[in-house]
């Protein structure tokens, strides 16, 4: 055995040992997390009740929570109901770990990283994972669907961008069917000239609403659909005054706490936070205007006329990350774990900062760097200084962090991005 071989052996052994220990730690973590009920218990309970002929959208589960997801999703999960619950939940959590891995792989493919050194790549991975860690953990702890939805959105877009519209549209349609949130990507596909993919998303979405009728009957499926529409109606009082739970965030919750003096928030601390007191009707008007403003601000990121494709991965990823960031802001009933959708935007800001370090003015460089640090702290105070979490939830600082991230992302304008007038 020569010297080079002997020098490589310990390094390989250390890597193998490190990965083995990480795998064992991950297994133990998943086993511990699988012991609680979490939201996965609600999913499986609704799946069981579906085949008992009950209205799964009227019934309440575990501390009076509704099932907000689709009938098709309940059918897809039904095979899990034949397994012991803790085993099925362990499998669900393991699948989510795989989806996390795939999310980072897809982001790597969507961004041009060929010019990055090993140290730059390592810095970006560490920064991106450190920012995402809280949201990943909370999704796993609550056995939620956000990781799956983000994976379906990013993987679907990557396939569409790679001229595979059928598979990509199917994944995005599945995400929309499960929880409606990725619907922000549908108008984007048409705006960017991906007409075939956008049309396929619509076809698949309609199909996934009708397919359950094959298993549960047309009338029952129609009844469930109507009840579901009523449950998720964004204009209902419960979604305008979106303060049922302390952990709610987003525009509807933030504006309710700022603009209504006595919001129905039983968890509120005895500390004033409102700056006005408007009627419910006016609050709804203001909320919708702010939503439209943020949606309209998409044009700042698109920077081109409709139906024109854009060349350049950086520009493409930046505009997609903004759309994903809108999800936890504009939709009501958003929990803290839903802010996993803002992570691609943070990753892009980090990418932009690392790539352009030597080309930015000192003012802009320090603005972006210090802003990223501030956003990281604001979004992760729960794990950095958790004993004051009641105050963070009371003042909805997570939403402020996401809104400030929009400002930073808007300043990170890539140099590339010439427009090609070729519809897809």
Protein backbone atom coordinates (compact mmCIF):
# COMPACT_ATOMS: atom_id res chain seq x y z
CA UNK A 1 0.00 0.00 0.00
CA UNK A 2 1.55 3.29 -1.06
CA UNK A 3 1.58 6.54 0.92
CA UNK A 4 -1.35 8.13 -0.94
CA UNK A 5 -3.53 5.11 -0.25
CA UNK A 6 -2.71 5.07 3.46
CA UNK A 7 -3.37 8.80 3.74
CA UNK A 8 -6.79 8.43 2.12
CA UNK A 9 -7.87 5.50 4.25
CA UNK A 10 -8.39 7.37 7.53
CA UNK A 11 -10.28 10.15 5.73
CA UNK A 12 -12.64 7.65 4.13
CA UNK A 13 -13.09 5.86 7.43
CA UNK A 14 -13.91 9.13 9.21
CA UNK A 15 -16.49 10.04 6.55
CA UNK A 16 -18.10 6.60 6.77
CA UNK A 17 -18.23 6.82 10.55
CA UNK A 18 -19.66 10.36 10.43
CA UNK A 19 -22.41 9.35 7.99
CA UNK A 20 -23.19 6.25 10.06
CA UNK A 21 -23.55 8.30 13.24
CA UNK A 22 -25.70 10.85 11.41
CA UNK A 23 -27.92 8.05 10.12
CA UNK A 24 -28.33 6.59 13.60
CA UNK A 25 -29.11 10.02 15.06
CA UNK A 26 -31.67 10.64 12.31
CA UNK A 27 -33.30 7.25 12.94
CA UNK A 28 -33.57 7.98 16.66
CA UNK A 29 -35.01 11.44 15.94
CA UNK A 30 -37.65 10.03 13.58
CA UNK A 31 -38.53 7.29 16.05
CA UNK A 32 -39.06 9.82 18.85
CA UNK A 33 -41.11 12.14 16.63
CA UNK A 34 -43.26 9.25 15.39
CA UNK A 35 -44.51 8.56 18.92
CA UNK A 36 -46.78 11.62 19.06
CA UNK A 37 -49.99 12.14 17.10
CA UNK A 38 -49.28 15.37 15.23
CA UNK A 39 -51.28 16.46 12.20
CA UNK A 40 -50.64 13.12 10.53
CA UNK A 41 -53.16 11.64 12.97
CA UNK A 42 -55.73 14.10 11.60
CA UNK A 43 -54.87 13.11 8.03
CA UNK A 44 -55.31 9.40 8.71
CA UNK A 45 -58.43 9.92 10.84
CA UNK A 46 -60.02 11.86 7.98
CA UNK A 47 -58.96 9.15 5.52
CA UNK A 48 -60.65 6.49 7.66
CA UNK A 49 -63.80 8.59 8.13
CA UNK A 50 -63.97 9.25 4.39
CA UNK A 51 -64.58 5.58 3.70
CA UNK A 52 -67.13 5.47 6.53
CA UNK A 53 -69.24 8.01 4.65
CA UNK A 54 -68.71 10.89 7.09
CA UNK A 55 -68.22 14.53 6.12
CA UNK A 56 -64.53 14.94 6.89
CA UNK A 57 -64.68 18.73 6.50
CA UNK A 58 -67.44 19.19 9.09
CA UNK A 59 -65.94 16.85 11.66
CA UNK A 60 -63.26 18.11 14.05
CA UNK A 61 -60.19 16.15 15.08
CA UNK A 62 -57.66 16.36 17.94
CA UNK A 63 -58.42 19.51 19.94
CA UNK A 64 -61.17 20.55 17.49
CA UNK A 65 -59.00 21.01 14.39
CA UNK A 66 -60.52 20.76 10.93
CA UNK A 67 -59.15 18.69 8.08
CA UNK A 68 -58.34 21.34 5.43
CA UNK A 69 -56.85 19.13 2.72
CA UNK A 70 -58.33 17.46 -0.33
CA UNK A 71 -60.44 14.33 -0.69
CA UNK A 72 -57.90 12.99 -3.19
CA UNK A 73 -55.12 13.37 -0.60
CA UNK A 74 -57.22 11.47 1.94
CA UNK A 75 -57.58 8.65 -0.59
CA UNK A 76 -53.85 8.61 -1.34
CA UNK A 77 -53.12 8.25 2.38
CA UNK A 78 -55.61 5.45 2.93
CA UNK A 79 -53.03 2.61 2.60
CA UNK A 80 -51.30 4.08 5.67
CA UNK A 81 -54.43 3.40 7.73
CA UNK A 82 -53.79 -0.36 7.47
CA UNK A 83 -50.46 -0.02 9.29
CA UNK A 84 -49.87 0.62 13.00
CA UNK A 85 -50.10 4.39 13.40
CA UNK A 86 -46.58 4.94 14.74
CA UNK A 87 -45.10 2.90 11.88
CA UNK A 88 -47.08 4.82 9.26
CA UNK A 89 -46.04 8.12 10.84
CA UNK A 90 -42.39 7.02 10.88
CA UNK A 91 -42.63 6.26 7.14
CA UNK A 92 -44.28 9.64 6.53
CA UNK A 93 -41.51 11.47 8.38
CA UNK A 94 -38.82 9.47 6.55
CA UNK A 95 -40.42 10.44 3.25
CA UNK A 96 -40.27 14.08 4.34
CA UNK A 97 -36.54 13.75 5.05
CA UNK A 98 -36.14 12.48 1.49
CA UNK A 99 -38.17 15.44 0.20
CA UNK A 100 -35.89 17.84 2.12
CA UNK A 101 -32.88 16.24 0.42
CA UNK A 102 -34.57 16.55 -2.96
CA UNK A 103 -35.49 20.22 -2.33
CA UNK A 104 -31.82 21.11 -1.83
CA UNK A 105 -30.85 19.04 -4.88
CA UNK A 106 -33.45 20.77 -7.04
CA UNK A 107 -32.33 24.21 -5.82
CA UNK A 108 -28.79 23.21 -6.73
CA UNK A 109 -30.00 22.35 -10.24
CA UNK A 110 -32.07 25.52 -10.61
CA UNK A 111 -29.16 27.82 -9.72
CA UNK A 112 -25.96 28.10 -11.81
CA UNK A 113 -23.32 26.98 -9.30
CA UNK A 114 -20.57 25.88 -11.72
CA UNK A 115 -18.47 28.97 -10.93
CA UNK A 116 -18.61 28.42 -7.16
CA UNK A 117 -15.59 27.08 -5.31
CA UNK A 118 -15.91 24.28 -2.76
CA UNK A 119 -15.74 26.78 0.07
CA UNK A 120 -18.43 28.96 -1.51
CA UNK A 121 -20.69 25.95 -2.02
CA UNK A 122 -20.11 24.86 1.58
CA UNK A 123 -20.91 28.34 2.87
CA UNK A 124 -24.10 28.49 0.84
CA UNK A 125 -25.21 25.03 1.99
CA UNK A 126 -24.54 25.81 5.63
CA UNK A 127 -26.29 29.19 5.41
CA UNK A 128 -29.30 27.80 3.55
CA UNK A 129 -29.71 24.85 5.90
CA UNK A 130 -29.18 26.97 9.03
CA UNK A 131 -31.97 29.33 7.94
CA UNK A 132 -34.29 26.47 6.95
CA UNK A 133 -33.62 24.29 10.00
CA UNK A 134 -36.35 25.77 12.19
CA UNK A 135 -39.02 25.38 9.52
CA UNK A 136 -37.88 21.87 8.58
CA UNK A 137 -37.93 20.78 12.21
CA UNK A 138 -41.37 22.27 12.89
CA UNK A 139 -42.82 20.58 9.80
CA UNK A 140 -41.44 17.25 10.97
CA UNK A 141 -42.53 17.83 14.57
CA UNK A 142 -46.09 18.63 13.51
CA UNK A 143 -45.96 16.01 10.68
CA UNK A 144 -47.17 18.66 8.24
CA UNK A 145 -47.32 18.79 4.42
CA UNK A 146 -45.30 21.96 3.69
CA UNK A 147 -42.10 20.06 2.87
CA UNK A 148 -44.03 17.92 0.40
CA UNK A 149 -45.70 20.98 -1.17
CA UNK A 150 -42.40 22.82 -1.60
CA UNK A 151 -40.83 19.72 -3.14
CA UNK A 152 -43.72 19.26 -5.58
CA UNK A 153 -43.54 22.94 -6.55
CA UNK A 154 -39.77 23.10 -7.14
CA UNK A 155 -39.47 19.66 -8.74
CA UNK A 156 -42.46 20.36 -10.96
CA UNK A 157 -40.98 23.66 -12.12
CA UNK A 158 -37.59 22.10 -12.78
CA UNK A 159 -39.22 19.46 -14.98
CA UNK A 160 -41.21 22.10 -16.87
CA UNK A 161 -38.10 24.23 -17.36
CA UNK A 162 -36.38 21.08 -18.68
CA UNK A 163 -39.09 20.63 -21.33
CA UNK A 164 -40.96 17.87 -19.46
CA UNK A 165 -44.34 19.59 -19.09
CA UNK A 166 -46.44 16.47 -18.49
CA UNK A 167 -44.61 15.23 -15.39
CA UNK A 168 -43.93 18.73 -14.08
CA UNK A 169 -47.58 19.77 -14.44
CA UNK A 170 -48.70 16.59 -12.69
CA UNK A 171 -46.52 17.36 -9.65
CA UNK A 172 -47.66 20.99 -9.40
CA UNK A 173 -51.32 19.95 -9.82
CA UNK A 174 -50.90 17.40 -7.02
CA UNK A 175 -49.52 20.14 -4.75
CA UNK A 176 -52.45 22.44 -5.62
CA UNK A 177 -54.93 19.64 -4.99
CA UNK A 178 -53.47 18.77 -1.60
CA UNK A 179 -53.54 22.28 -0.15
CA UNK A 180 -54.18 24.87 -2.90
CA UNK A 181 -51.12 26.95 -1.89
CA UNK A 182 -48.96 26.25 -4.99
CA UNK A 183 -51.72 27.75 -7.16
CA UNK A 184 -49.60 30.93 -7.27
CA UNK A 185 -47.44 29.08 -9.82
CA UNK A 186 -50.29 28.56 -12.30
CA UNK A 187 -50.60 32.16 -13.58
CA UNK A 188 -46.79 32.33 -13.60
CA UNK A 189 -46.60 29.44 -16.08
CA UNK A 190 -48.91 31.26 -18.47
CA UNK A 191 -47.12 34.58 -17.91
CA UNK A 192 -43.82 32.98 -18.90
CA UNK A 193 -45.29 31.30 -21.97
CA UNK A 194 -45.44 27.74 -20.66
CA UNK A 195 -48.92 27.34 -22.12
CA UNK A 196 -48.84 23.56 -22.46
CA UNK A 197 -47.67 23.06 -18.88
CA UNK A 198 -50.21 25.57 -17.52
CA UNK A 199 -53.07 23.93 -19.41
CA UNK A 200 -51.99 20.49 -18.17
CA UNK A 201 -51.97 21.74 -14.58
CA UNK A 202 -55.60 22.82 -14.98
CA UNK A 203 -56.57 19.47 -16.55
CA UNK A 204 -54.85 17.51 -13.79
CA UNK A 205 -56.38 19.68 -11.06
CA UNK A 206 -59.90 19.10 -12.41
CA UNK A 207 -59.16 15.38 -12.74
CA UNK A 208 -58.01 15.13 -9.12
CA UNK A 209 -61.27 16.73 -8.00
CA UNK A 210 -63.30 14.19 -9.97
CA UNK A 211 -61.28 11.00 -9.41
CA UNK A 212 -62.51 10.52 -5.80
CA UNK A 213 -66.05 10.02 -7.19
CA UNK A 214 -64.85 6.67 -8.57
CA UNK A 215 -64.18 5.51 -5.00
CA UNK A 216 -66.87 7.27 -2.94
CA UNK A 217 -69.62 8.14 -5.43
CA UNK A 218 -70.53 11.34 -7.27
CA UNK A 219 -73.04 12.78 -4.77
CA UNK A 220 -70.83 12.20 -1.73
CA UNK A 221 -67.84 13.72 -3.53
CA UNK A 222 -69.92 16.76 -4.54
CA UNK A 223 -71.12 17.26 -0.97
CA UNK A 224 -67.57 17.12 0.33
CA UNK A 225 -66.37 19.56 -2.34
CA UNK A 226 -69.03 22.13 -1.43
CA UNK A 227 -68.24 21.81 2.28
CA UNK A 228 -64.53 22.17 1.58
CA UNK A 229 -65.11 25.36 -0.44
CA UNK A 230 -67.10 26.81 2.44
CA UNK A 231 -64.38 25.84 4.94
CA UNK A 232 -61.52 27.53 3.04
CA UNK A 233 -63.50 30.61 1.92
CA UNK A 234 -60.97 33.47 2.44
CA UNK A 235 -63.70 36.07 2.94
CA UNK A 236 -65.19 34.33 5.97
CA UNK A 237 -64.77 36.18 9.26
CA UNK A 238 -62.57 33.48 10.73
CA UNK A 239 -60.04 33.94 7.90
CA UNK A 240 -60.13 37.74 7.96
CA UNK A 241 -59.68 37.95 11.74
CA UNK A 242 -57.07 35.22 11.49
CA UNK A 243 -56.14 35.04 15.17
CA UNK A 244 -57.63 31.78 16.42
CA UNK A 245 -54.23 30.46 17.36
CA UNK A 246 -51.17 32.18 18.79
CA UNK A 247 -48.92 30.57 16.17
CA UNK A 248 -50.80 32.05 13.19
CA UNK A 249 -48.78 34.41 10.99
CA UNK A 250 -49.13 36.11 7.61
CA UNK A 251 -50.80 39.30 6.41
CA UNK A 252 -54.30 38.46 7.64
CA UNK A 253 -53.04 37.82 11.17
CA UNK A 254 -50.61 40.75 11.24
CA UNK A 255 -53.12 43.31 9.93
CA UNK A 256 -55.81 42.02 12.29
CA UNK A 257 -53.56 42.55 15.31
CA UNK A 258 -52.46 45.99 14.05
CA UNK A 259 -55.77 47.40 12.88
CA UNK A 260 -58.38 45.92 15.24
CA UNK A 261 -58.37 46.81 18.91
CA UNK A 262 -60.06 43.74 20.38
CA UNK A 263 -59.32 40.84 18.06
CA UNK A 264 -60.65 37.47 19.25
CA UNK A 265 -57.25 36.27 20.40
CA UNK A 266 -57.47 34.41 23.70
CA UNK A 267 -53.67 33.98 23.70
CA UNK A 268 -52.85 37.69 23.39
CA UNK A 269 -50.54 39.16 26.00
CA UNK A 270 -51.70 42.25 27.93
CA UNK A 271 -49.49 44.45 25.74
CA UNK A 272 -50.94 46.91 23.22
CA UNK A 273 -50.09 46.13 19.60
CA UNK A 274 -52.85 47.74 17.53
CA UNK A 275 -52.28 51.14 15.93
CA UNK A 276 -55.90 51.63 14.77
CA UNK A 277 -59.37 50.18 15.17
CA UNK A 278 -61.21 49.58 11.90
CA UNK A 279 -64.36 47.67 11.08
CA UNK A 280 -64.26 44.11 9.80
CA UNK A 281 -65.38 45.31 6.35
CA UNK A 282 -62.59 47.88 6.15
CA UNK A 283 -60.08 45.35 7.43
CA UNK A 284 -61.06 42.95 4.66
CA UNK A 285 -60.66 45.73 2.08
CA UNK A 286 -57.23 46.74 3.40
CA UNK A 287 -56.10 43.12 3.55
CA UNK A 288 -57.10 42.44 -0.05
CA UNK A 289 -55.44 45.67 -1.22
CA UNK A 290 -52.15 44.69 0.45
CA UNK A 291 -52.41 41.21 -1.06
CA UNK A 292 -52.92 42.71 -4.52
CA UNK A 293 -50.00 45.05 -3.93
CA UNK A 294 -47.66 42.15 -3.15
CA UNK A 295 -48.97 40.15 -6.10
CA UNK A 296 -48.53 43.15 -8.38
CA UNK A 297 -44.99 43.61 -7.09
CA UNK A 298 -44.21 40.34 -8.91
CA UNK A 299 -43.72 42.49 -12.00
CA UNK A 300 -40.60 43.98 -10.41
CA UNK A 301 -39.11 40.49 -10.39
CA UNK A 302 -40.43 39.44 -13.81
CA UNK A 303 -39.06 42.57 -15.53
CA UNK A 304 -40.61 41.68 -18.90
CA UNK A 305 -43.88 41.60 -20.76
CA UNK A 306 -46.19 38.55 -20.53
CA UNK A 307 -45.75 35.40 -22.65
CA UNK A 308 -42.02 35.96 -23.01
CA UNK A 309 -39.63 33.35 -21.68
CA UNK A 310 -36.55 34.47 -19.78
CA UNK A 311 -33.09 33.05 -20.26
CA UNK A 312 -30.80 32.72 -17.28
CA UNK A 313 -31.27 30.43 -14.31
CA UNK A 314 -30.57 33.19 -11.79
CA UNK A 315 -33.41 35.40 -13.00
CA UNK A 316 -35.75 32.43 -13.24
CA UNK A 317 -35.03 31.19 -9.73
CA UNK A 318 -35.36 34.69 -8.28
CA UNK A 319 -38.84 35.26 -9.64
CA UNK A 320 -39.96 31.76 -8.59
CA UNK A 321 -38.62 32.28 -5.08
CA UNK A 322 -40.65 35.50 -4.77
CA UNK A 323 -43.85 33.72 -5.79
CA UNK A 324 -43.21 30.96 -3.25
CA UNK A 325 -42.55 33.60 -0.59
CA UNK A 326 -46.01 35.07 -1.23
CA UNK A 327 -47.70 31.84 -0.14
CA UNK A 328 -47.41 32.17 3.66
CA UNK A 329 -48.06 35.92 3.41
CA UNK A 330 -51.20 36.18 1.30
CA UNK A 331 -53.01 32.98 2.30
CA UNK A 332 -54.94 32.93 5.60
CA UNK A 333 -54.57 30.38 8.40
CA UNK A 334 -50.78 30.13 8.01
CA UNK A 335 -48.76 28.52 10.78
CA UNK A 336 -45.06 29.17 11.43
CA UNK A 337 -44.05 25.98 9.61
CA UNK A 338 -45.65 27.33 6.42
CA UNK A 339 -42.83 29.87 6.21
CA UNK A 340 -40.60 27.14 4.82
CA UNK A 341 -41.75 28.67 1.51
CA UNK A 342 -39.59 31.76 2.15
CA UNK A 343 -36.38 29.69 2.30
CA UNK A 344 -35.65 29.65 -1.47
CA UNK A 345 -35.70 33.49 -1.42
CA UNK A 346 -33.20 33.56 1.44
CA UNK A 347 -31.01 31.04 -0.41
CA UNK A 348 -31.04 33.27 -3.49
CA UNK A 349 -30.01 36.34 -1.45
CA UNK A 350 -27.16 34.30 0.02
CA UNK A 351 -26.20 33.07 -3.45
CA UNK A 352 -26.25 36.62 -4.84
CA UNK A 353 -24.11 37.92 -1.97
CA UNK A 354 -21.47 35.19 -2.36
CA UNK A 355 -21.30 35.42 -6.16
CA UNK A 356 -21.11 39.22 -6.32
CA UNK A 357 -18.95 39.86 -3.27
CA UNK A 358 -16.17 41.45 -5.32
CA UNK A 359 -18.47 43.49 -7.56
CA UNK A 360 -20.91 45.09 -5.13
CA UNK A 361 -20.38 48.49 -3.59
CA UNK A 362 -19.50 48.39 0.11
CA UNK A 363 -22.84 49.94 0.99
CA UNK A 364 -24.87 47.36 -0.92
CA UNK A 365 -22.70 44.44 0.23
CA UNK A 366 -23.06 45.33 3.91
CA UNK A 367 -26.75 46.13 3.48
CA UNK A 368 -27.47 42.68 2.07
CA UNK A 369 -25.17 40.87 4.49
CA UNK A 370 -26.48 42.61 7.61
CA UNK A 371 -30.05 42.30 6.36
CA UNK A 372 -29.64 38.54 5.86
CA UNK A 373 -28.24 38.26 9.38
CA UNK A 374 -31.15 40.27 10.79
CA UNK A 375 -33.71 38.19 8.88
CA UNK A 376 -32.07 34.99 10.10
CA UNK A 377 -32.26 36.17 13.71
CA UNK A 378 -35.88 37.39 13.44
CA UNK A 379 -37.04 34.17 11.78
CA UNK A 380 -35.14 31.92 14.19
CA UNK A 381 -35.60 33.66 17.53
CA UNK A 382 -37.79 30.77 18.65
CA UNK A 383 -34.79 28.43 18.64
CA UNK A 384 -32.17 31.07 19.48
CA UNK A 385 -33.99 32.55 22.48
CA UNK A 386 -37.11 30.49 22.91
CA UNK A 387 -38.08 31.56 26.42
CA UNK A 388 -39.59 34.77 25.01
CA UNK A 389 -41.54 33.04 22.26
CA UNK A 390 -44.87 34.34 23.58
CA UNK A 391 -43.70 37.86 22.72
CA UNK A 392 -42.55 36.85 19.23
CA UNK A 393 -45.94 35.25 18.57
CA UNK A 394 -47.82 38.19 20.09
CA UNK A 395 -46.18 40.73 17.78
CA UNK A 396 -46.00 38.35 14.77
CA UNK A 397 -42.34 39.10 14.13
CA UNK A 398 -41.98 36.14 11.75
CA UNK A 399 -44.22 37.98 9.30
CA UNK A 400 -42.07 41.11 9.60
CA UNK A 401 -39.01 38.99 8.81
CA UNK A 402 -40.65 37.65 5.65
CA UNK A 403 -41.73 41.14 4.55
CA UNK A 404 -38.21 42.47 5.04
CA UNK A 405 -36.87 39.54 3.01
CA UNK A 406 -38.94 40.88 0.09
CA UNK A 407 -37.03 44.16 0.31
CA UNK A 408 -33.66 42.39 0.29
CA UNK A 409 -34.65 40.05 -2.55
CA UNK A 410 -35.78 43.06 -4.59
CA UNK A 411 -32.28 44.56 -4.34
CA UNK A 412 -30.58 41.35 -5.50
CA UNK A 413 -30.95 41.88 -9.25
CA UNK A 414 -28.92 39.39 -11.32
CA UNK A 415 -26.97 40.71 -14.29
CA UNK A 416 -28.13 37.99 -16.64
CA UNK A 417 -31.68 37.55 -17.84
CA UNK A 418 -32.00 38.54 -21.47
CA UNK A 419 -35.50 37.87 -22.77
CA UNK A 420 -36.24 35.32 -25.47
CA UNK A 421 -39.47 35.75 -27.38
CA UNK A 422 -40.25 32.03 -27.66
CA UNK A 423 -43.37 30.53 -26.04
CA UNK A 424 -42.98 26.97 -24.73
